[in-house]
Amino acid sequence: MASRPTDPKKSALLLVDLQNDFIHPDGAYARGGAVSAAIAALPERIAPLAAAMRARGSLVISTHFTLVPAFAGEPIISPHLKQLRPFLRKGDFAPGSWGHSVVDALQPIDVAIEKVAYSAFYMTRLEWVLRKTGVEHLIVGGIVTNGGVASTIRDAHVRDIDVTVLKDGCAAFSDEVHATAIAALAPVAQISSIAEELAIAA
């Protein structure tokens, strides 16, 4: 792994999909019964790190899973997602909606990135933003560890962007799945904790 930049502006906190529709009790996933205590606990756990990094001049970037409205406002939903989450409906994860937004505990966000697939680099402006702002190192937390988090980290790796993943700042719908995904990321990312990153940001 590359050495960590000493300039805080060269590092950014990347929050993957910590949105109301995924996490809030009034969101789409809660309505459909797809809930997880580990996922629900993430915003309050990550919030102090977001505040500390913002205070030292690092960007806080959020990714927003998006269901793009098409004909009559009906969302475009990939077949695999429709099968996995049949409860998704018109208005869920819609651009600009409450459900699309990052949960209040993690506001304000410096840069928001809409995404339509697991990876935050797939057909988005994330890489452009990182290059233009001089960010060379991402500290990543969010959901789910084995989905959006892992895909984004692997895509960062092939772009020569150094990554640190927060082992206690990510979660999946199963603790076992989460642990397996974190272990599998060790070859392409540094593994750290929120406490360790707070000490660095202090």
Protein backbone atom coordinates (compact mmCIF):
# COMPACT_ATOMS: atom_id res chain seq x y z
CA MET A 1 0.00 0.00 0.00
CA ALA A 2 1.08 3.57 -0.61
CA SER A 3 2.04 5.69 2.37
CA ARG A 4 -0.73 7.89 3.75
CA PRO A 5 -0.64 11.56 2.65
CA THR A 6 0.31 14.02 5.38
CA ASP A 7 -1.81 16.78 3.83
CA PRO A 8 -5.40 16.29 5.09
CA LYS A 9 -6.76 17.72 1.84
CA LYS A 10 -5.32 14.71 0.01
CA SER A 11 -7.51 12.34 2.05
CA ALA A 12 -11.31 12.14 2.02
CA LEU A 13 -13.96 10.25 3.93
CA LEU A 14 -16.18 8.34 1.52
CA LEU A 15 -19.56 7.33 2.95
CA VAL A 16 -21.20 4.64 0.86
CA ASP A 17 -25.01 4.70 0.63
CA LEU A 18 -25.83 5.81 4.19
CA GLN A 19 -29.21 7.06 2.99
CA ASN A 20 -32.61 7.45 4.60
CA ASP A 21 -34.24 4.88 2.32
CA PHE A 22 -31.69 2.29 3.45
CA ILE A 23 -31.40 3.16 7.15
CA HIS A 24 -34.14 5.39 8.55
CA PRO A 25 -37.14 3.69 10.23
CA ASP A 26 -39.39 5.50 7.75
CA GLY A 27 -37.29 4.54 4.72
CA ALA A 28 -37.97 2.08 1.91
CA TYR A 29 -35.95 -0.79 3.36
CA ALA A 30 -37.61 -0.57 6.76
CA ARG A 31 -41.00 -0.57 5.02
CA GLY A 32 -39.96 -3.76 3.24
CA GLY A 33 -38.62 -5.42 6.40
CA ALA A 34 -34.97 -5.35 5.25
CA VAL A 35 -33.45 -4.04 8.46
CA SER A 36 -30.22 -4.62 10.36
CA ALA A 37 -29.17 -3.35 13.78
CA ALA A 38 -25.53 -3.25 12.65
CA ILE A 39 -26.41 -1.07 9.68
CA ALA A 40 -28.67 1.20 11.73
CA ALA A 41 -25.84 1.84 14.21
CA LEU A 42 -23.37 3.10 11.60
CA PRO A 43 -24.32 6.81 11.28
CA GLU A 44 -23.88 7.62 14.98
CA ARG A 45 -20.65 5.62 15.04
CA ILE A 46 -19.15 7.36 12.01
CA ALA A 47 -20.39 10.90 12.77
CA PRO A 48 -17.47 11.86 15.08
CA LEU A 49 -14.95 10.86 12.42
CA ALA A 50 -16.80 12.82 9.75
CA ALA A 51 -16.76 15.91 11.99
CA ALA A 52 -13.06 15.48 12.83
CA MET A 53 -12.01 15.03 9.22
CA ARG A 54 -14.13 17.96 8.07
CA ALA A 55 -12.56 20.13 10.80
CA ARG A 56 -9.05 19.33 9.62
CA GLY A 57 -9.86 20.16 6.01
CA SER A 58 -10.67 16.77 4.48
CA LEU A 59 -13.64 16.33 2.17
CA VAL A 60 -16.61 14.26 3.27
CA ILE A 61 -18.06 12.60 0.18
CA SER A 62 -21.27 10.60 0.11
CA THR A 63 -22.54 8.15 -2.48
CA HIS A 64 -26.26 7.92 -3.13
CA PHE A 65 -27.74 4.79 -4.61
CA THR A 66 -30.29 6.03 -7.13
CA LEU A 67 -33.35 4.56 -8.82
CA VAL A 68 -33.63 6.77 -11.88
CA PRO A 69 -37.25 7.65 -12.76
CA ALA A 70 -38.24 6.86 -16.35
CA PHE A 71 -41.69 6.43 -17.92
CA ALA A 72 -44.36 8.12 -15.77
CA GLY A 73 -41.78 8.38 -13.01
CA GLU A 74 -41.48 4.63 -12.55
CA PRO A 75 -37.96 3.75 -11.41
CA ILE A 76 -35.48 1.77 -13.47
CA ILE A 77 -34.70 -1.25 -11.29
CA SER A 78 -32.17 -3.89 -12.32
CA PRO A 79 -33.72 -7.38 -12.51
CA HIS A 80 -31.46 -8.79 -9.78
CA LEU A 81 -32.47 -5.98 -7.40
CA LYS A 82 -36.16 -6.33 -8.24
CA GLN A 83 -35.93 -10.00 -7.34
CA LEU A 84 -33.99 -9.32 -4.14
CA ARG A 85 -36.08 -6.32 -2.98
CA PRO A 86 -39.57 -6.68 -4.52
CA PHE A 87 -40.92 -3.98 -2.19
CA LEU A 88 -39.13 -1.16 -4.03
CA ARG A 89 -41.58 1.22 -5.65
CA LYS A 90 -42.05 4.59 -7.34
CA GLY A 91 -40.39 7.36 -5.31
CA ASP A 92 -37.84 5.16 -3.53
CA PHE A 93 -34.25 6.37 -3.90
CA ALA A 94 -35.49 9.05 -6.29
CA PRO A 95 -33.00 11.87 -6.99
CA GLY A 96 -33.56 14.80 -4.66
CA SER A 97 -36.00 12.94 -2.43
CA TRP A 98 -35.77 12.59 1.34
CA GLY A 99 -35.09 8.87 1.01
CA HIS A 100 -32.24 9.55 -1.42
CA SER A 101 -30.50 11.86 1.08
CA VAL A 102 -27.83 10.92 3.59
CA VAL A 103 -29.17 10.49 7.13
CA ASP A 104 -29.18 13.62 9.27
CA ALA A 105 -26.50 12.34 11.66
CA LEU A 106 -23.89 12.58 8.89
CA GLN A 107 -24.83 15.96 7.47
CA PRO A 108 -23.46 18.21 6.09
CA ILE A 109 -21.90 16.48 3.10
CA ASP A 110 -19.30 18.25 0.95
CA VAL A 111 -19.76 16.30 -2.29
CA ALA A 112 -22.64 13.98 -3.21
CA ILE A 113 -22.21 11.31 -5.86
CA GLU A 114 -25.25 9.64 -7.44
CA LYS A 115 -24.67 6.03 -8.41
CA VAL A 116 -26.75 3.35 -10.13
CA ALA A 117 -24.77 0.20 -9.35
CA TYR A 118 -22.61 -1.28 -6.60
CA SER A 119 -19.43 0.63 -7.40
CA ALA A 120 -19.35 4.37 -6.79
CA PHE A 121 -17.01 4.66 -9.79
CA TYR A 122 -19.35 3.06 -12.33
CA MET A 123 -20.70 5.79 -14.63
CA THR A 124 -20.30 8.52 -11.98
CA ARG A 125 -18.24 11.68 -11.50
CA LEU A 126 -16.40 10.34 -8.42
CA GLU A 127 -13.02 9.84 -10.09
CA TRP A 128 -13.26 13.27 -11.73
CA VAL A 129 -13.95 14.89 -8.34
CA LEU A 130 -11.03 13.09 -6.69
CA ARG A 131 -8.59 14.05 -9.44
CA LYS A 132 -9.75 17.69 -9.53
CA THR A 133 -9.51 18.10 -5.74
CA GLY A 134 -6.20 16.27 -5.40
CA VAL A 135 -7.55 13.47 -3.22
CA GLU A 136 -5.20 10.49 -3.26
CA HIS A 137 -6.49 8.51 -0.28
CA LEU A 138 -10.01 7.41 0.63
CA ILE A 139 -11.22 6.33 4.05
CA VAL A 140 -14.32 4.28 3.36
CA GLY A 141 -17.31 3.37 5.47
CA GLY A 142 -20.90 2.47 4.67
CA ILE A 143 -23.08 -0.30 3.31
CA VAL A 144 -23.07 -3.03 2.48
CA THR A 145 -19.58 -4.34 3.11
CA ASN A 146 -19.84 -7.12 0.55
CA GLY A 147 -21.65 -4.96 -2.04
CA GLY A 148 -21.20 -1.25 -2.59
CA VAL A 149 -18.26 -0.94 -0.20
CA ALA A 150 -16.23 -3.82 -1.63
CA SER A 151 -16.98 -2.92 -5.25
CA THR A 152 -16.01 0.72 -4.72
CA ILE A 153 -12.77 -0.20 -2.94
CA ARG A 154 -11.72 -2.62 -5.64
CA ASP A 155 -12.46 -0.04 -8.33
CA ALA A 156 -10.41 2.54 -6.43
CA HIS A 157 -7.53 0.07 -6.24
CA VAL A 158 -7.37 -0.45 -10.01
CA ARG A 159 -7.32 3.34 -10.40
CA ASP A 160 -4.29 3.63 -8.09
CA ILE A 161 -6.28 5.41 -5.41
CA ASP A 162 -5.12 4.34 -1.95
CA VAL A 163 -7.92 3.13 0.33
CA THR A 164 -8.42 2.55 4.04
CA VAL A 165 -11.58 0.64 4.98
CA LEU A 166 -13.17 1.09 8.40
CA LYS A 167 -13.81 -2.39 9.75
CA ASP A 168 -16.29 -0.98 12.30
CA GLY A 169 -17.59 1.71 9.97
CA CYS A 170 -19.13 -0.76 7.51
CA ALA A 171 -21.86 -3.34 7.92
CA ALA A 172 -23.80 -6.01 6.05
CA PHE A 173 -27.02 -7.87 6.75
CA SER A 174 -24.95 -10.63 8.38
CA ASP A 175 -21.98 -10.23 10.73
CA GLU A 176 -20.37 -13.26 9.12
CA VAL A 177 -20.73 -11.80 5.62
CA HIS A 178 -19.28 -8.51 6.87
CA ALA A 179 -16.24 -10.19 8.46
CA THR A 180 -15.57 -12.28 5.35
CA ALA A 181 -15.77 -9.20 3.11
CA ILE A 182 -13.39 -7.18 5.30
CA ALA A 183 -10.86 -10.03 5.28
CA ALA A 184 -11.13 -10.30 1.49
CA LEU A 185 -10.33 -6.59 1.11
CA ALA A 186 -6.99 -6.83 2.93
CA PRO A 187 -4.96 -7.29 -0.30
CA VAL A 188 -6.35 -4.06 -1.81
CA ALA A 189 -6.96 -1.79 1.20
CA GLN A 190 -5.61 -0.89 4.59
CA ILE A 191 -7.87 -2.14 7.38
CA SER A 192 -8.46 0.37 10.16
CA SER A 193 -11.00 1.37 12.80
CA ILE A 194 -12.89 4.54 13.59
CA ALA A 195 -10.89 5.00 16.80
CA GLU A 196 -7.59 4.69 14.93
CA GLU A 197 -8.70 7.22 12.33
CA LEU A 198 -9.94 9.63 15.00
CA ALA A 199 -6.50 9.52 16.59
CA ILE A 200 -4.91 10.42 13.26
CA ALA A 201 -7.43 13.22 12.64
CA ALA A 202 -7.02 14.72 16.10
